Structures are given as C-alpha cells and as structure tokens.
Amino acid sequence: MARSGGRLARAATSWLPPGRPMRMLLGVSFVDSLGTGLFLTGSALFFTRSLGLTADQVGLGLSLAGIAGFACSVLVGRLADRIGAHRALVGLQWWRGACFAAYPFADNLTLFLIVAILGGTGEWAAPPVVQSFVGSLVEAESRVRSMSALMLVRNVGFTAGAAAAAWAIAAGGAGVYTTLVFLDAASFLVSGVLLLRVRTHVPVPTRTESALEVKVRPNARYLFLACLNGLLYLHAVLLTVALPLWVADYTKAPGALIGAIVVLNTVLAVGLQMRFSRGVDGARPAAVRQARAGAALAACCLLVAATGSTSAWVTAGLVLAATAALTVGEVYQAVGAWGLSYALSPEDRRGYFLSIYNLGQTGAMIAGPWVITTAVLPAGAAGWGALAAVLAGAGALVVVLERARPKDLGGEPGAGTAAGGRGRDGEAVPGGRAAAGRGGARDRDGGPGGGADG
C-alpha cells in the first residue's frame, strides 16, 4: 500500500516544474486566470448593459486595445530587459488591475476608449514578459515544460472563474456584471502582491550593460518565424470566431454544439498540455511541433469544409472531430512557439526578442477575425480549403527555416547571444563579444501564465 501510495503521489506531482519560485508562480497564474474567467464570461453584457455601449463601440474599443498592445509590447520587452522581468511583471499586473478597476467608471465612449487602450498595452505586452520571467527561474531544458504547467493551471483557473461567473449571472442582481469586473481587477492586484513573494536570484542588468547590447537585433529569419507562428496562432480565432459563426450561420447543427466545442477544447487542452511538451528542448524539436500544429489545424479546416450540406448529427460529429484536431494544433503551436522563441532569443536580450516574436500572435488576434469573417466563411468549403493549405504550409516552412539556421553560431536554449561577435542566428552584430560574456545575467508569459490564452 505504501509503495502504491508513493507511486500515486509521484504521478500527481510529476507535472510540477522544478523549484519553489516556479511553483509559486503557478499559484499566481491561477489567481490571475480565475479573474480572467470571471470577467470574460460577463464582459459583453457588462459593456452593453452596464456601460450602455453599442456592440460596434465595444468592437472599436477592443480593436484599438489590440493595436495599442501591438505598438507597445516591444517597448515593454525592452523595459523588462533593463529593470528585470520580475519587476516589470509586478508593474504590469498592477497596471492591468488599475485599468480594469476604472472600467465601471467609463460611462461614455471617450472614457471607455481611453481605458481600453491603456488596458490593452498591458494585456498584450504581458505574455512575453511572463515567458522571460520563467526563463530566469528554471534551466533551459525545463522551460517549455514549465510554460506548459503554467498554461495547464491557467486553463483550470479560467474554467473555474467562468463557471463561477455563469452561476453569479444566473442568480441575477443589478450589479453582478460590475462586481465581476471589480473581482477581475482585484485578481490582478493580488497576483501582483503574490509575485513580490517569488524570490529570484537574477541580477538586473546595469545601464552600461544595456547600452552595449542595444544594437543586437533579430534578423529576417527570426521575424519570418514570428510571422509563421502568428499564422499558426489563428487557432484562437478559429475557436472563438470561426467555428461558432460557422455552426450558427452555415450548418444545420444545433446551437448547443457551440458550448460543446468550448468544453471539448478545454478538456483536451488540459489533458494534452504536459504530454505534448515532452522532449521540446531545442530549436529542432520545437520546429517539428509547429509543423505538427500546421498539419493538425489543416485537418481541422478540412473537416469543417465537409459540413456544408450534411445532416445535423453528421455535422456535429465532424465539428467535434475538427475541434479535437484544432486542440491538438493549439497545444503543438504553443509548445513549439515557446521552444523556438527560447532557443533563438539571447539570454541578455530575452524580453526584447520574445516581445518581437509575440507580435505574430498579437497580429493574428487583430487581423484574424476580419480575415475569417470576410474571406473564409463566405467562401464556404473553398475558403476552408485555402486556409488549410496556408496553415499546413506555415508549419512546414518553420521546419525549413530552422534547418537553414547555422548550428555552430548559437541558438540552442541557454546559449548566450553568440560567441565571436555574432548574433544568435549567425548575423554579425556590434557588441557581440561583450554580450556573449553575460549570457545568464537576465531575468516569461504575460499575466502570469499566459497571455492571450493560448
């Protein structure tokens, strides 16, 4: 019995990342995601019923928030390199808490747009800072697994928050939507306080060091990889926009299928996250995961394309199968993106490089809904087929670009900027020798654990 109990205990804790600081960060992530689940469940009704905004006005504010985040995230990444990811992340959590606490007082369009834009800068800038922070807490070989553990906890926290919000909304009450927003603001403020208790031993770069490193830039291959990752991140738009609209407007399936899509995606994501993160300890295996993501997402699109004129039950089966394929692609995209971005980012410029890599995902969330609703859905099966080809091609190109990267010039996890005055991807850069000597002198993910849920 004792031996069996020991095996069960090991199985129950085997997914936990190493080190007390990283495990404390899991708790911070849970608090953060709990608040996010509370907010998102009632956010649409809060904006329209409590603030009295129209759907078009809400859409405008959220679009401007995304654009503001896109514009500011690299600047925040640079700041994280200068002051340390830990300090930057605490500040971001408190900034986001203050912005969400201001929402209930934004009772006209102008105030709403101001708060949305200010909040968007923190929302979209946070994920690469979280990822940078994780990179400072664990060794290179444990980073992707640690990110996966954060994502797992985030999915659980988000689900718990959404369930609690649904119960509160069903119970009714005039101020329930405003209460949910204040609770989300509190979750950011509390998580920021909890972050202060996560002790790190990472020296913060001095102003002199930062000045020497400022000329290190990602090369064209890195930027192209970021764009390809953005294409693969369209799985988030497929889940939240494409599949619900397709089921509701283009098929004979019952509306309840939309809820089943969300439940299936959440359950599969939690179950697959840690399994799919095994063995992702360098650029090559990470690129392979992104290729698998492209193939899985292409399969999702082809399954949906087959549902145009099928019966309700056949459509439901195909859509659920497509959801399973989408979730496989979602998890592979995430672990591949973490592995590649860690492998190709200099240790001493990690916040800057990760924030640039994350621009692909931010761009997908800004442009993706428009592309899906204006080009893919109206075209029917042909649109889905074209999207399948794009996603499969994006995944395959990641492998091609990774294999073309010089292997003797750095680029694996834990490497410094590069040796001999060359950049991580083989480009000559000013100050390369000085940067190479400080590979470990730096402080990941945005709201602790994830960012744009993905």
Protein backbone atom coordinates (compact mmCIF):
# COMPACT_ATOMS: atom_id res chain seq x y z
CA MET A 1 0.00 0.00 0.00
CA ALA A 2 2.77 2.43 0.90
CA ARG A 3 4.54 1.73 -2.39
CA SER A 4 1.31 2.20 -4.34
CA GLY A 5 0.62 5.44 -2.48
CA GLY A 6 4.09 6.67 -3.32
CA ARG A 7 3.55 6.00 -6.99
CA LEU A 8 0.26 7.86 -6.92
CA ALA A 9 1.87 10.82 -5.18
CA ARG A 10 4.65 10.93 -7.77
CA ALA A 11 2.14 10.73 -10.60
CA ALA A 12 0.10 13.55 -9.07
CA THR A 13 3.11 15.85 -8.80
CA SER A 14 5.20 14.79 -11.79
CA TRP A 15 3.84 17.65 -13.89
CA LEU A 16 5.03 20.31 -11.45
CA PRO A 17 8.02 22.38 -12.61
CA PRO A 18 11.24 22.35 -10.59
CA GLY A 19 11.99 24.88 -7.88
CA ARG A 20 9.91 26.70 -5.28
CA PRO A 21 9.81 30.05 -7.17
CA MET A 22 8.37 28.42 -10.29
CA ARG A 23 5.76 26.55 -8.26
CA MET A 24 4.79 29.77 -6.51
CA LEU A 25 4.31 31.31 -9.95
CA LEU A 26 1.73 28.59 -10.66
CA GLY A 27 -0.35 29.95 -7.76
CA VAL A 28 -0.03 33.47 -9.10
CA SER A 29 -1.17 32.25 -12.51
CA PHE A 30 -4.21 30.55 -11.01
CA VAL A 31 -5.34 33.77 -9.27
CA ASP A 32 -4.80 35.76 -12.46
CA SER A 33 -6.71 33.30 -14.69
CA LEU A 34 -9.54 32.96 -12.16
CA GLY A 35 -10.19 36.67 -12.52
CA THR A 36 -9.94 36.47 -16.30
CA GLY A 37 -12.60 33.73 -16.36
CA LEU A 38 -14.86 35.84 -14.16
CA PHE A 39 -14.51 38.85 -16.43
CA LEU A 40 -14.74 37.32 -19.89
CA THR A 41 -17.91 35.37 -19.12
CA GLY A 42 -19.88 38.55 -18.47
CA SER A 43 -17.78 41.14 -20.31
CA ALA A 44 -20.03 41.55 -23.36
CA LEU A 45 -23.09 42.16 -21.18
CA PHE A 46 -21.12 44.45 -18.86
CA PHE A 47 -20.09 46.68 -21.75
CA THR A 48 -23.54 46.80 -23.34
CA ARG A 49 -25.86 46.71 -20.30
CA SER A 50 -23.85 48.31 -17.50
CA LEU A 51 -21.96 50.89 -19.58
CA GLY A 52 -24.67 51.30 -22.24
CA LEU A 53 -22.31 50.91 -25.19
CA THR A 54 -23.32 49.51 -28.56
CA ALA A 55 -21.73 46.37 -29.99
CA ASP A 56 -19.90 48.47 -32.62
CA GLN A 57 -18.46 50.74 -29.93
CA VAL A 58 -17.25 47.76 -27.93
CA GLY A 59 -15.66 46.28 -31.04
CA LEU A 60 -13.91 49.58 -31.76
CA GLY A 61 -12.52 49.78 -28.23
CA LEU A 62 -11.24 46.21 -28.25
CA SER A 63 -9.64 46.70 -31.67
CA LEU A 64 -7.87 49.85 -30.50
CA ALA A 65 -6.73 47.99 -27.38
CA GLY A 66 -5.14 45.31 -29.56
CA ILE A 67 -3.42 47.90 -31.75
CA ALA A 68 -2.09 49.70 -28.66
CA GLY A 69 -0.76 46.43 -27.30
CA PHE A 70 0.91 45.65 -30.62
CA ALA A 71 2.57 49.06 -30.64
CA CYS A 72 3.77 48.98 -27.03
CA SER A 73 4.77 45.36 -26.40
CA VAL A 74 8.32 45.70 -27.76
CA LEU A 75 8.90 48.79 -25.62
CA VAL A 76 7.73 46.84 -22.56
CA GLY A 77 10.03 43.97 -23.55
CA ARG A 78 12.96 46.38 -23.64
CA LEU A 79 11.94 47.72 -20.24
CA ALA A 80 11.87 44.17 -18.85
CA ASP A 81 15.44 43.67 -20.05
CA ARG A 82 16.50 46.89 -18.35
CA ILE A 83 14.79 46.53 -14.95
CA GLY A 84 14.30 42.75 -14.85
CA ALA A 85 11.27 40.69 -15.89
CA HIS A 86 10.20 40.22 -12.26
CA ARG A 87 9.80 43.94 -11.58
CA ALA A 88 8.22 44.53 -14.98
CA LEU A 89 5.66 41.78 -14.41
CA VAL A 90 4.65 43.11 -11.00
CA GLY A 91 4.16 46.54 -12.55
CA LEU A 92 2.11 45.09 -15.42
CA GLN A 93 -0.21 43.25 -13.04
CA TRP A 94 -0.88 46.40 -11.02
CA TRP A 95 -1.31 48.46 -14.20
CA ARG A 96 -3.87 46.00 -15.54
CA GLY A 97 -5.66 45.91 -12.18
CA ALA A 98 -5.95 49.70 -12.16
CA CYS A 99 -7.28 49.75 -15.72
CA PHE A 100 -9.92 47.12 -15.05
CA ALA A 101 -10.94 48.88 -11.84
CA ALA A 102 -11.53 52.00 -13.98
CA TYR A 103 -13.89 50.27 -16.44
CA PRO A 104 -17.07 50.69 -14.33
CA PHE A 105 -16.48 54.44 -14.27
CA ALA A 106 -16.02 54.72 -18.06
CA ASP A 107 -19.66 55.69 -18.63
CA ASN A 108 -19.20 57.31 -22.04
CA LEU A 109 -17.47 56.30 -25.27
CA THR A 110 -14.45 58.56 -24.85
CA LEU A 111 -13.62 57.28 -21.38
CA PHE A 112 -14.22 53.69 -22.49
CA LEU A 113 -11.79 54.05 -25.40
CA ILE A 114 -9.13 55.60 -23.15
CA VAL A 115 -9.40 52.82 -20.57
CA ALA A 116 -9.47 50.12 -23.27
CA ILE A 117 -6.33 51.48 -24.93
CA LEU A 118 -4.45 51.82 -21.63
CA GLY A 119 -5.51 48.34 -20.57
CA GLY A 120 -4.59 46.89 -23.96
CA THR A 121 -0.99 47.98 -23.57
CA GLY A 122 -0.67 45.75 -20.51
CA GLU A 123 -2.77 42.86 -21.78
CA TRP A 124 -0.78 42.28 -24.94
CA ALA A 125 2.63 43.18 -23.52
CA ALA A 126 2.40 40.77 -20.59
CA PRO A 127 2.83 37.29 -22.23
CA PRO A 128 6.45 37.73 -23.40
CA VAL A 129 7.39 39.24 -20.03
CA VAL A 130 5.97 36.19 -18.25
CA GLN A 131 7.89 33.94 -20.64
CA SER A 132 11.07 35.88 -19.96
CA PHE A 133 10.50 35.58 -16.21
CA VAL A 134 10.04 31.80 -16.47
CA GLY A 135 13.29 31.66 -18.42
CA SER A 136 15.05 33.23 -15.45
CA LEU A 137 13.54 30.79 -12.92
CA VAL A 138 14.38 27.42 -14.48
CA GLU A 139 17.13 25.84 -16.54
CA ALA A 140 16.88 25.75 -20.33
CA GLU A 141 15.74 22.13 -20.54
CA SER A 142 12.80 22.80 -18.18
CA ARG A 143 11.45 26.00 -19.70
CA VAL A 144 8.91 24.59 -22.16
CA ARG A 145 7.62 22.12 -19.55
CA SER A 146 7.30 24.97 -17.07
CA MET A 147 5.39 27.08 -19.57
CA SER A 148 3.08 24.12 -20.21
CA ALA A 149 2.46 23.75 -16.48
CA LEU A 150 1.54 27.44 -16.33
CA MET A 151 -0.84 27.02 -19.25
CA LEU A 152 -2.44 23.97 -17.62
CA VAL A 153 -3.04 25.89 -14.39
CA ARG A 154 -4.31 28.85 -16.36
CA ASN A 155 -6.87 26.69 -18.19
CA VAL A 156 -8.11 25.28 -14.89
CA GLY A 157 -8.33 28.72 -13.28
CA PHE A 158 -10.09 30.22 -16.28
CA THR A 159 -12.64 27.40 -16.31
CA ALA A 160 -13.31 27.78 -12.59
CA GLY A 161 -13.75 31.54 -12.96
CA ALA A 162 -16.08 31.15 -15.94
CA ALA A 163 -18.21 28.62 -14.06
CA ALA A 164 -18.44 30.89 -11.01
CA ALA A 165 -19.38 33.85 -13.21
CA ALA A 166 -22.06 31.84 -15.00
CA TRP A 167 -23.57 30.90 -11.64
CA ALA A 168 -23.48 34.53 -10.45
CA ILE A 169 -25.12 35.78 -13.66
CA ALA A 170 -27.83 33.14 -13.42
CA ALA A 171 -28.51 34.18 -9.81
CA GLY A 172 -29.13 37.67 -11.11
CA GLY A 173 -28.74 41.07 -9.50
CA ALA A 174 -28.41 44.54 -10.98
CA GLY A 175 -24.74 44.94 -10.20
CA VAL A 176 -23.47 41.45 -10.97
CA TYR A 177 -21.56 42.44 -14.13
CA THR A 178 -19.82 45.34 -12.41
CA THR A 179 -18.94 43.08 -9.47
CA LEU A 180 -17.28 40.60 -11.84
CA VAL A 181 -15.16 43.39 -13.30
CA PHE A 182 -14.03 44.56 -9.87
CA LEU A 183 -13.17 40.96 -8.93
CA ASP A 184 -11.03 40.69 -12.07
CA ALA A 185 -9.26 43.93 -11.13
CA ALA A 186 -8.67 42.52 -7.64
CA SER A 187 -7.18 39.33 -9.12
CA PHE A 188 -4.55 41.41 -10.93
CA LEU A 189 -3.71 43.43 -7.83
CA VAL A 190 -3.50 40.33 -5.62
CA SER A 191 -1.39 38.43 -8.14
CA GLY A 192 0.99 41.37 -8.27
CA VAL A 193 1.40 41.22 -4.49
CA LEU A 194 1.92 37.46 -4.64
CA LEU A 195 4.57 37.96 -7.33
CA LEU A 196 6.60 40.00 -4.85
CA ARG A 197 6.94 36.83 -2.77
CA VAL A 198 8.51 34.91 -5.67
CA ARG A 199 12.16 35.20 -4.78
CA THR A 200 14.68 35.24 -7.62
CA HIS A 201 18.45 35.49 -7.70
CA VAL A 202 18.79 37.02 -11.16
CA PRO A 203 20.94 40.16 -11.32
CA VAL A 204 19.29 43.13 -13.02
CA PRO A 205 21.36 44.48 -15.95
CA THR A 206 23.06 47.80 -15.34
CA ARG A 207 22.59 50.81 -17.58
CA THR A 208 26.10 50.28 -19.02
CA GLU A 209 25.33 46.68 -19.97
CA SER A 210 22.06 47.67 -21.62
CA ALA A 211 23.82 50.33 -23.66
CA LEU A 212 26.31 47.76 -25.00
CA GLU A 213 23.53 45.37 -26.02
CA VAL A 214 21.06 47.81 -27.57
CA LYS A 215 22.26 47.19 -31.16
CA VAL A 216 21.51 43.47 -31.11
CA ARG A 217 18.57 42.94 -33.45
CA PRO A 218 16.57 39.91 -34.65
CA ASN A 219 17.37 39.06 -38.24
CA ALA A 220 14.96 38.42 -41.12
CA ARG A 221 14.71 34.69 -40.40
CA TYR A 222 13.62 35.33 -36.82
CA LEU A 223 10.99 37.84 -37.98
CA PHE A 224 9.68 35.38 -40.59
CA LEU A 225 9.41 32.68 -37.93
CA ALA A 226 7.41 35.11 -35.77
CA CYS A 227 5.02 35.72 -38.70
CA LEU A 228 4.61 31.98 -39.32
CA ASN A 229 3.87 31.49 -35.63
CA GLY A 230 1.22 34.20 -35.94
CA LEU A 231 -0.45 32.26 -38.76
CA LEU A 232 -0.49 29.11 -36.64
CA TYR A 233 -1.94 31.12 -33.75
CA LEU A 234 -5.08 31.58 -35.85
CA HIS A 235 -6.34 28.54 -33.94
CA ALA A 236 -7.50 31.04 -31.29
CA VAL A 237 -9.64 32.83 -33.89
CA LEU A 238 -10.93 29.52 -35.26
CA LEU A 239 -12.12 28.53 -31.79
CA THR A 240 -13.68 31.82 -30.71
CA VAL A 241 -14.96 33.23 -34.02
CA ALA A 242 -14.89 30.83 -36.98
CA LEU A 243 -16.40 27.67 -35.52
CA PRO A 244 -19.24 29.39 -33.58
CA LEU A 245 -20.25 31.52 -36.58
CA TRP A 246 -19.98 28.56 -38.98
CA VAL A 247 -22.12 26.34 -36.76
CA ALA A 248 -24.73 29.05 -36.21
CA ASP A 249 -24.99 30.51 -39.72
CA TYR A 250 -23.77 27.90 -42.21
CA THR A 251 -24.85 24.50 -40.86
CA LYS A 252 -27.94 22.66 -39.61
CA ALA A 253 -26.30 21.76 -36.28
CA PRO A 254 -28.00 22.75 -33.00
CA GLY A 255 -26.74 25.85 -31.21
CA ALA A 256 -25.78 23.74 -28.18
CA LEU A 257 -22.87 22.42 -30.26
CA ILE A 258 -21.07 25.74 -29.70
CA GLY A 259 -20.90 25.10 -25.95
CA ALA A 260 -19.72 21.54 -26.59
CA ILE A 261 -16.87 22.90 -28.72
CA VAL A 262 -15.59 25.02 -25.84
CA VAL A 263 -15.89 22.21 -23.29
CA LEU A 264 -14.13 19.67 -25.53
CA ASN A 265 -11.34 22.12 -26.31
CA THR A 266 -10.75 22.90 -22.64
CA VAL A 267 -10.73 19.25 -21.52
CA LEU A 268 -8.39 18.14 -24.31
CA ALA A 269 -6.05 21.09 -23.80
CA VAL A 270 -5.66 20.29 -20.10
CA GLY A 271 -5.10 16.61 -20.85
CA LEU A 272 -2.57 17.10 -23.68
CA GLN A 273 -0.56 20.11 -22.47
CA MET A 274 2.10 18.32 -20.43
CA ARG A 275 2.25 15.25 -22.68
CA PHE A 276 2.98 17.29 -25.80
CA SER A 277 5.67 19.36 -24.08
CA ARG A 278 7.97 16.39 -23.52
CA GLY A 279 11.25 16.48 -25.38
CA VAL A 280 10.99 20.08 -26.58
CA ASP A 281 14.48 21.10 -25.52
CA GLY A 282 15.84 22.91 -28.54
CA ALA A 283 15.02 24.64 -31.81
CA ARG A 284 14.77 21.48 -33.94
CA PRO A 285 12.14 19.61 -31.86
CA ALA A 286 10.24 22.88 -31.37
CA ALA A 287 10.09 23.43 -35.14
CA VAL A 288 8.77 19.88 -35.60
CA ARG A 289 5.97 20.65 -33.11
CA GLN A 290 4.99 23.69 -35.14
CA ALA A 291 4.88 21.57 -38.30
CA ARG A 292 2.56 19.16 -36.48
CA ALA A 293 0.44 22.13 -35.43
CA GLY A 294 0.08 23.22 -39.05
CA ALA A 295 -0.96 19.70 -40.10
CA ALA A 296 -3.49 19.36 -37.27
CA LEU A 297 -5.02 22.79 -37.95
CA ALA A 298 -5.24 21.97 -41.67
CA ALA A 299 -7.10 18.76 -40.77
CA CYS A 300 -9.48 20.83 -38.65
CA CYS A 301 -10.25 23.12 -41.58
CA LEU A 302 -10.84 20.21 -43.99
CA LEU A 303 -13.23 18.54 -41.55
CA VAL A 304 -15.20 21.77 -41.22
CA ALA A 305 -15.23 22.19 -45.00
CA ALA A 306 -17.06 18.87 -45.27
CA THR A 307 -20.01 20.05 -43.16
CA GLY A 308 -21.71 22.44 -45.56
CA SER A 309 -24.67 20.26 -46.60
CA THR A 310 -24.54 17.39 -44.11
CA SER A 311 -27.27 16.48 -41.65
CA ALA A 312 -27.30 17.93 -38.14
CA TRP A 313 -25.85 14.81 -36.50
CA VAL A 314 -23.15 14.27 -39.12
CA THR A 315 -22.25 17.95 -38.89
CA ALA A 316 -21.99 17.71 -35.11
CA GLY A 317 -19.66 14.71 -35.37
CA LEU A 318 -17.44 16.41 -37.95
CA VAL A 319 -17.29 19.66 -35.99
CA LEU A 320 -16.34 17.86 -32.77
CA ALA A 321 -13.65 15.94 -34.66
CA ALA A 322 -12.45 19.27 -36.07
CA THR A 323 -12.36 20.69 -32.53
CA ALA A 324 -10.19 17.80 -31.40
CA ALA A 325 -7.81 18.42 -34.30
CA LEU A 326 -7.81 22.15 -33.53
CA THR A 327 -6.89 21.47 -29.90
CA VAL A 328 -4.02 19.22 -30.92
CA GLY A 329 -2.80 22.02 -33.19
CA GLU A 330 -3.27 24.59 -30.43
CA VAL A 331 -1.10 22.71 -27.95
CA TYR A 332 1.58 21.87 -30.52
CA GLN A 333 1.68 25.51 -31.63
CA ALA A 334 2.17 26.69 -28.05
CA VAL A 335 4.98 24.32 -27.11
CA GLY A 336 6.67 24.86 -30.46
CA ALA A 337 6.49 28.63 -30.09
CA TRP A 338 7.93 28.55 -26.58
CA GLY A 339 10.73 26.21 -27.64
CA LEU A 340 11.70 28.20 -30.72
CA SER A 341 11.50 31.63 -29.11
CA TYR A 342 13.58 30.50 -26.13
CA ALA A 343 16.14 28.84 -28.38
CA LEU A 344 16.55 31.84 -30.67
CA SER A 345 16.47 34.62 -28.04
CA PRO A 346 19.70 35.84 -26.44
CA GLU A 347 19.67 35.38 -22.67
CA ASP A 348 20.62 39.00 -22.08
CA ARG A 349 18.01 40.39 -24.53
CA ARG A 350 15.27 37.85 -23.92
CA GLY A 351 12.45 40.29 -23.13
CA TYR A 352 13.09 42.27 -26.31
CA PHE A 353 13.36 39.21 -28.58
CA LEU A 354 10.35 37.44 -27.05
CA SER A 355 8.20 40.56 -27.37
CA ILE A 356 9.04 40.74 -31.08
CA TYR A 357 8.25 37.05 -31.55
CA ASN A 358 4.92 37.58 -29.78
CA LEU A 359 3.92 40.26 -32.31
CA GLY A 360 2.90 37.49 -34.71
CA GLN A 361 0.29 36.24 -32.25
CA THR A 362 -0.95 39.74 -31.47
CA GLY A 363 -1.26 40.47 -35.18
CA ALA A 364 -3.26 37.27 -35.68
CA MET A 365 -5.74 38.32 -32.99
CA ILE A 366 -6.12 41.78 -34.53
CA ALA A 367 -6.43 40.79 -38.21
CA GLY A 368 -7.65 37.21 -37.87
CA PRO A 369 -11.35 37.88 -37.12
CA TRP A 370 -11.63 40.19 -40.12
CA VAL A 371 -9.96 37.65 -42.45
CA ILE A 372 -12.16 34.82 -41.19
CA THR A 373 -15.44 36.71 -41.46
CA THR A 374 -14.79 38.41 -44.80
CA ALA A 375 -12.77 35.81 -46.73
CA VAL A 376 -13.01 32.31 -45.25
CA LEU A 377 -16.61 31.89 -44.09
CA PRO A 378 -18.35 33.47 -47.12
CA ALA A 379 -16.29 31.26 -49.46
CA GLY A 380 -17.56 28.09 -47.79
CA ALA A 381 -15.64 24.87 -48.42
CA ALA A 382 -13.21 26.63 -50.76
CA GLY A 383 -12.35 29.15 -48.06
CA TRP A 384 -11.73 26.44 -45.50
CA GLY A 385 -9.61 24.52 -48.01
CA ALA A 386 -7.48 27.58 -48.75
CA LEU A 387 -6.98 28.21 -45.04
CA ALA A 388 -5.95 24.57 -44.58
CA ALA A 389 -3.27 24.99 -47.24
CA VAL A 390 -1.97 28.18 -45.61
CA LEU A 391 -1.72 26.60 -42.15
CA ALA A 392 -0.08 23.39 -43.37
CA GLY A 393 2.38 25.44 -45.42
CA ALA A 394 3.20 27.71 -42.47
CA GLY A 395 4.04 24.72 -40.27
CA ALA A 396 6.24 23.15 -42.94
CA LEU A 397 8.09 26.43 -43.54
CA VAL A 398 9.03 26.65 -39.86
CA VAL A 399 11.00 23.39 -40.20
CA VAL A 400 12.64 24.60 -43.41
CA LEU A 401 13.77 27.86 -41.82
CA GLU A 402 15.02 26.15 -38.68
CA ARG A 403 17.11 23.68 -40.68
CA ALA A 404 18.61 26.53 -42.68
CA ARG A 405 19.82 28.23 -39.49
CA PRO A 406 23.58 27.88 -38.87
CA LYS A 407 24.01 25.43 -35.98
CA ASP A 408 27.54 26.44 -34.98
CA LEU A 409 26.62 30.02 -34.16
CA GLY A 410 24.41 29.63 -31.12
CA GLY A 411 20.69 29.31 -30.96
CA GLU A 412 20.03 26.44 -28.56
CA PRO A 413 18.43 27.02 -25.16
CA GLY A 414 20.71 28.58 -22.63
CA ALA A 415 23.24 29.83 -25.14
CA GLY A 416 24.47 33.38 -24.83
CA THR A 417 23.88 35.98 -27.52
CA ALA A 418 26.66 34.27 -29.50
CA ALA A 419 30.38 33.78 -29.46
CA GLY A 420 32.87 35.64 -31.60
CA GLY A 421 30.80 38.79 -32.10
CA ARG A 422 27.94 37.10 -33.98
CA GLY A 423 24.22 37.20 -33.31
CA ARG A 424 22.21 34.23 -32.17
CA ASP A 425 21.13 33.49 -35.72
CA GLY A 426 24.52 33.93 -37.31
CA GLU A 427 24.40 37.64 -38.07
CA ALA A 428 27.32 39.83 -37.14
CA VAL A 429 26.25 42.37 -34.52
CA PRO A 430 28.01 45.23 -32.77
CA GLY A 431 28.88 44.42 -29.19
CA GLY A 432 28.52 40.67 -29.73
CA ARG A 433 31.62 39.74 -27.76
CA ALA A 434 30.62 41.83 -24.77
CA ALA A 435 27.11 40.37 -24.77
CA ALA A 436 28.42 36.83 -25.06
CA GLY A 437 30.14 37.10 -21.72
CA ARG A 438 26.89 37.76 -19.89
CA GLY A 439 24.61 35.03 -21.22
CA GLY A 440 22.93 34.39 -17.88
CA ALA A 441 22.58 37.89 -16.49
CA ARG A 442 18.88 38.33 -17.14
CA ASP A 443 15.52 37.69 -15.82
CA ARG A 444 8.18 34.87 -19.06
CA ASP A 445 4.48 34.92 -20.23
CA GLY A 446 2.19 37.89 -19.59
CA GLY A 447 -0.37 37.83 -16.95
CA PRO A 448 1.39 35.16 -15.11
CA GLY A 449 0.78 32.13 -17.17
CA GLY A 450 -0.20 33.00 -20.48
CA GLY A 451 -1.33 35.89 -22.10
CA ALA A 452 -3.71 35.79 -24.74
CA ASP A 453 -4.90 32.35 -23.73
CA GLY A 454 -3.40 30.46 -25.89
